[in-house]
């Protein structure tokens, strides 16, 4: 065996009992010095890192209070612009959209809110894009090849229709909408003011 070290299986040098100290999560998994992973895997909720005063959140979730604060700051920083009465509006930080003043009025009456309290954002239109026939069939055409004239003419007619198409959809832009006066009558505004404490009282009893 030459000068190669020999350690016998049953010798004290081969193995010994050691006492290890480290972090163990509540499921029994050993994490050594990694306290963070032990606590993260052993817990379900935690405090907000930015503001401990916020409600606790799930480990795999996010702080909704922080998200609301960021969204509020984003809206407050937006440029203001009078609404033209036609462009689609988005209720900031929700999935609610308005197409006209009547839909805004209905929302206010149903939710007991005043129009000026709504954080509305002017939407931008999404139009269909024209189709380049040569690009669409690039994998089928020979190098430097062109579409047959009949097919190219068909694409030209299609693109003419596309150019005249109304918006396919709308997405929130970066301009806050200033609503005109008169969306609600004086009587409707009064009814909303009265309904608010009544609704709050129902919530307190539930």
Protein backbone atom coordinates (compact mmCIF):
# COMPACT_ATOMS: atom_id res chain seq x y z
CA UNK A 1 0.00 0.00 0.00
CA UNK A 2 3.06 2.24 0.03
CA UNK A 3 2.79 5.49 2.01
CA UNK A 4 -1.00 5.88 1.53
CA UNK A 5 -2.79 6.69 4.78
CA UNK A 6 -4.85 3.86 6.23
CA UNK A 7 -7.91 4.59 8.39
CA UNK A 8 -9.83 1.53 9.55
CA UNK A 9 -13.64 1.46 9.40
CA UNK A 10 -13.96 0.76 13.13
CA UNK A 11 -11.29 3.20 14.27
CA UNK A 12 -12.11 6.34 16.35
CA UNK A 13 -10.56 8.45 13.56
CA UNK A 14 -13.11 7.34 10.95
CA UNK A 15 -16.11 8.92 12.65
CA UNK A 16 -17.19 10.51 15.90
CA UNK A 17 -20.39 11.82 17.47
CA UNK A 18 -20.63 15.60 17.27
CA UNK A 19 -23.18 18.03 18.68
CA UNK A 20 -24.34 20.54 16.05
CA UNK A 21 -25.97 23.87 16.79
CA UNK A 22 -28.12 25.56 14.19
CA UNK A 23 -31.54 26.82 13.19
CA UNK A 24 -34.34 24.27 12.71
CA UNK A 25 -37.74 25.26 11.28
CA UNK A 26 -40.99 24.03 12.79
CA UNK A 27 -41.10 21.16 10.28
CA UNK A 28 -37.78 19.81 11.56
CA UNK A 29 -35.60 20.92 8.65
CA UNK A 30 -32.07 21.92 9.72
CA UNK A 31 -30.76 25.22 8.28
CA UNK A 32 -27.45 25.66 10.06
CA UNK A 33 -26.64 29.35 10.48
CA UNK A 34 -29.40 30.49 8.10
CA UNK A 35 -31.92 31.94 10.55
CA UNK A 36 -33.83 33.72 7.79
CA UNK A 37 -34.63 30.56 5.82
CA UNK A 38 -35.52 28.65 8.97
CA UNK A 39 -37.98 31.33 10.04
CA UNK A 40 -39.33 31.82 6.50
CA UNK A 41 -40.01 28.09 6.00
CA UNK A 42 -41.36 27.68 9.51
CA UNK A 43 -43.80 30.59 9.43
CA UNK A 44 -46.86 31.56 7.41
CA UNK A 45 -47.03 35.34 7.90
CA UNK A 46 -44.67 38.23 8.58
CA UNK A 47 -44.65 41.96 9.21
CA UNK A 48 -44.12 44.45 6.41
CA UNK A 49 -40.43 45.23 6.02
CA UNK A 50 -41.11 48.84 5.01
CA UNK A 51 -43.71 49.63 7.64
CA UNK A 52 -44.28 47.26 10.58
CA UNK A 53 -47.50 49.15 11.35
CA UNK A 54 -49.11 47.71 8.22
CA UNK A 55 -51.26 44.56 8.57
CA UNK A 56 -49.28 41.33 8.51
CA UNK A 57 -48.98 39.55 5.15
CA UNK A 58 -48.51 35.99 3.97
CA UNK A 59 -44.90 35.00 3.33
CA UNK A 60 -45.61 34.21 -0.31
CA UNK A 61 -47.77 37.30 -0.77
CA UNK A 62 -47.17 41.04 -0.75
CA UNK A 63 -48.12 43.95 1.47
CA UNK A 64 -51.40 45.31 0.12
CA UNK A 65 -51.03 48.49 2.17
CA UNK A 66 -47.67 49.23 0.50
CA UNK A 67 -49.19 48.58 -2.92
CA UNK A 68 -52.08 50.93 -2.19
CA UNK A 69 -49.65 53.63 -1.02
CA UNK A 70 -47.56 53.29 -4.19
CA UNK A 71 -50.65 53.41 -6.39
CA UNK A 72 -51.91 56.46 -4.52
CA UNK A 73 -48.57 58.24 -4.97
CA UNK A 74 -48.61 57.33 -8.66
CA UNK A 75 -52.06 58.83 -9.14
CA UNK A 76 -51.26 62.00 -7.20
CA UNK A 77 -48.21 62.60 -9.40
CA UNK A 78 -50.23 62.40 -12.64
CA UNK A 79 -50.91 65.38 -14.86
CA UNK A 80 -54.56 66.56 -14.72
CA UNK A 81 -56.66 67.09 -17.83
CA UNK A 82 -60.37 67.86 -18.38
CA UNK A 83 -62.26 64.84 -19.68
CA UNK A 84 -63.59 65.19 -23.22
CA UNK A 85 -66.69 63.12 -22.42
CA UNK A 86 -65.87 60.44 -25.01
CA UNK A 87 -62.58 58.79 -24.06
CA UNK A 88 -62.82 55.69 -21.89
CA UNK A 89 -61.92 56.28 -18.23
CA UNK A 90 -60.34 53.84 -15.79
CA UNK A 91 -60.91 53.86 -12.04
CA UNK A 92 -57.34 53.85 -10.78
CA UNK A 93 -56.05 50.67 -9.12
CA UNK A 94 -59.22 48.70 -9.97
CA UNK A 95 -60.64 46.77 -12.92
CA UNK A 96 -63.49 49.26 -13.40
CA UNK A 97 -63.90 51.28 -16.63
CA UNK A 98 -66.41 53.96 -17.61
CA UNK A 99 -67.64 54.71 -21.12
CA UNK A 100 -69.82 57.74 -20.45
CA UNK A 101 -71.17 60.09 -17.79
CA UNK A 102 -74.20 57.88 -17.21
CA UNK A 103 -72.01 54.94 -16.14
CA UNK A 104 -70.10 57.26 -13.78
CA UNK A 105 -73.37 58.52 -12.33
CA UNK A 106 -74.65 54.96 -11.77
CA UNK A 107 -71.40 54.00 -10.04
CA UNK A 108 -71.59 56.99 -7.71
CA UNK A 109 -75.19 56.25 -6.75
CA UNK A 110 -74.53 52.56 -6.16
CA UNK A 111 -71.34 53.09 -4.13
CA UNK A 112 -72.37 56.30 -2.34
CA UNK A 113 -69.40 58.28 -3.63
CA UNK A 114 -69.19 61.71 -5.23
CA UNK A 115 -67.73 62.13 -8.74
CA UNK A 116 -64.86 64.31 -7.53
CA UNK A 117 -63.79 61.54 -5.15
CA UNK A 118 -63.18 59.06 -7.97
CA UNK A 119 -59.57 58.65 -9.06
CA UNK A 120 -60.14 58.45 -12.80
CA UNK A 121 -57.44 58.02 -15.43
CA UNK A 122 -57.78 58.81 -19.13
CA UNK A 123 -57.29 55.67 -21.23
CA UNK A 124 -55.29 55.28 -24.42
CA UNK A 125 -56.75 53.40 -27.40
CA UNK A 126 -55.29 50.19 -28.78
CA UNK A 127 -55.66 50.06 -32.57
CA UNK A 128 -55.10 46.98 -34.77
CA UNK A 129 -51.73 47.01 -36.51
CA UNK A 130 -51.41 46.73 -40.26
CA UNK A 131 -50.16 43.39 -41.60
CA UNK A 132 -47.10 43.13 -43.82
CA UNK A 133 -47.85 40.19 -46.11
CA UNK A 134 -44.21 39.64 -47.04
CA UNK A 135 -43.25 39.55 -43.37
CA UNK A 136 -46.14 37.23 -42.55
CA UNK A 137 -45.04 34.72 -45.20
CA UNK A 138 -41.28 35.31 -44.85
CA UNK A 139 -40.64 31.66 -43.95
CA UNK A 140 -42.47 30.48 -47.06
CA UNK A 141 -41.08 32.92 -49.62
CA UNK A 142 -37.73 32.38 -51.38
CA UNK A 143 -34.94 34.84 -50.62
CA UNK A 144 -35.85 38.27 -52.05
CA UNK A 145 -39.14 36.75 -53.19
CA UNK A 146 -42.37 38.75 -53.46
CA UNK A 147 -45.99 37.89 -52.86
CA UNK A 148 -48.21 37.18 -55.87
CA UNK A 149 -49.93 40.39 -56.95
CA UNK A 150 -53.40 39.06 -56.07
CA UNK A 151 -52.30 38.22 -52.54
CA UNK A 152 -50.53 41.55 -52.08
CA UNK A 153 -53.66 43.37 -53.26
CA UNK A 154 -55.70 41.41 -50.72
CA UNK A 155 -53.33 42.52 -47.94
CA UNK A 156 -53.60 46.12 -49.19
CA UNK A 157 -57.39 45.97 -48.97
CA UNK A 158 -57.20 44.40 -45.52
CA UNK A 159 -54.81 47.10 -44.29
CA UNK A 160 -57.16 49.77 -45.59
CA UNK A 161 -59.91 48.30 -43.41
CA UNK A 162 -57.50 48.07 -40.46
CA UNK A 163 -56.59 51.75 -40.79
CA UNK A 164 -60.27 52.68 -40.49
CA UNK A 165 -60.93 50.37 -37.56
CA UNK A 166 -62.04 51.81 -34.21
CA UNK A 167 -59.97 50.94 -31.12
CA UNK A 168 -59.91 47.26 -30.22
CA UNK A 169 -59.44 48.04 -26.53
CA UNK A 170 -58.28 50.69 -24.09
CA UNK A 171 -55.60 50.75 -21.41
CA UNK A 172 -54.99 53.26 -18.58
CA UNK A 173 -52.68 56.11 -19.50
CA UNK A 174 -50.77 58.56 -17.32
CA UNK A 175 -53.20 61.48 -17.20
CA UNK A 176 -55.83 61.92 -14.48
CA UNK A 177 -59.26 63.04 -15.64
CA UNK A 178 -61.02 66.15 -14.38
CA UNK A 179 -64.76 65.53 -14.55
CA UNK A 180 -67.24 68.22 -15.57
CA UNK A 181 -69.83 69.53 -13.14
CA UNK A 182 -73.38 68.32 -13.28
CA UNK A 183 -72.88 64.55 -13.33
CA UNK A 184 -75.11 64.36 -10.25
CA UNK A 185 -78.06 66.56 -9.41
CA UNK A 186 -78.13 68.43 -6.11
CA UNK A 187 -80.74 65.96 -4.86
CA UNK A 188 -78.59 62.95 -5.80
CA UNK A 189 -75.57 64.44 -4.03
CA UNK A 190 -77.72 65.01 -0.95
CA UNK A 191 -78.96 61.41 -1.04
CA UNK A 192 -75.37 60.14 -1.18
CA UNK A 193 -74.36 62.24 1.82
CA UNK A 194 -77.29 60.83 3.80
CA UNK A 195 -76.65 57.24 2.71
CA UNK A 196 -73.03 57.25 3.88
CA UNK A 197 -73.60 57.24 7.66
CA UNK A 198 -76.47 54.79 7.23
CA UNK A 199 -74.21 52.40 5.32
CA UNK A 200 -71.47 52.82 7.92
CA UNK A 201 -73.96 51.95 10.66
CA UNK A 202 -74.96 48.75 8.88
CA UNK A 203 -71.31 47.76 8.53
CA UNK A 204 -70.68 48.38 12.23
CA UNK A 205 -73.54 46.08 13.21
CA UNK A 206 -72.55 43.27 10.85
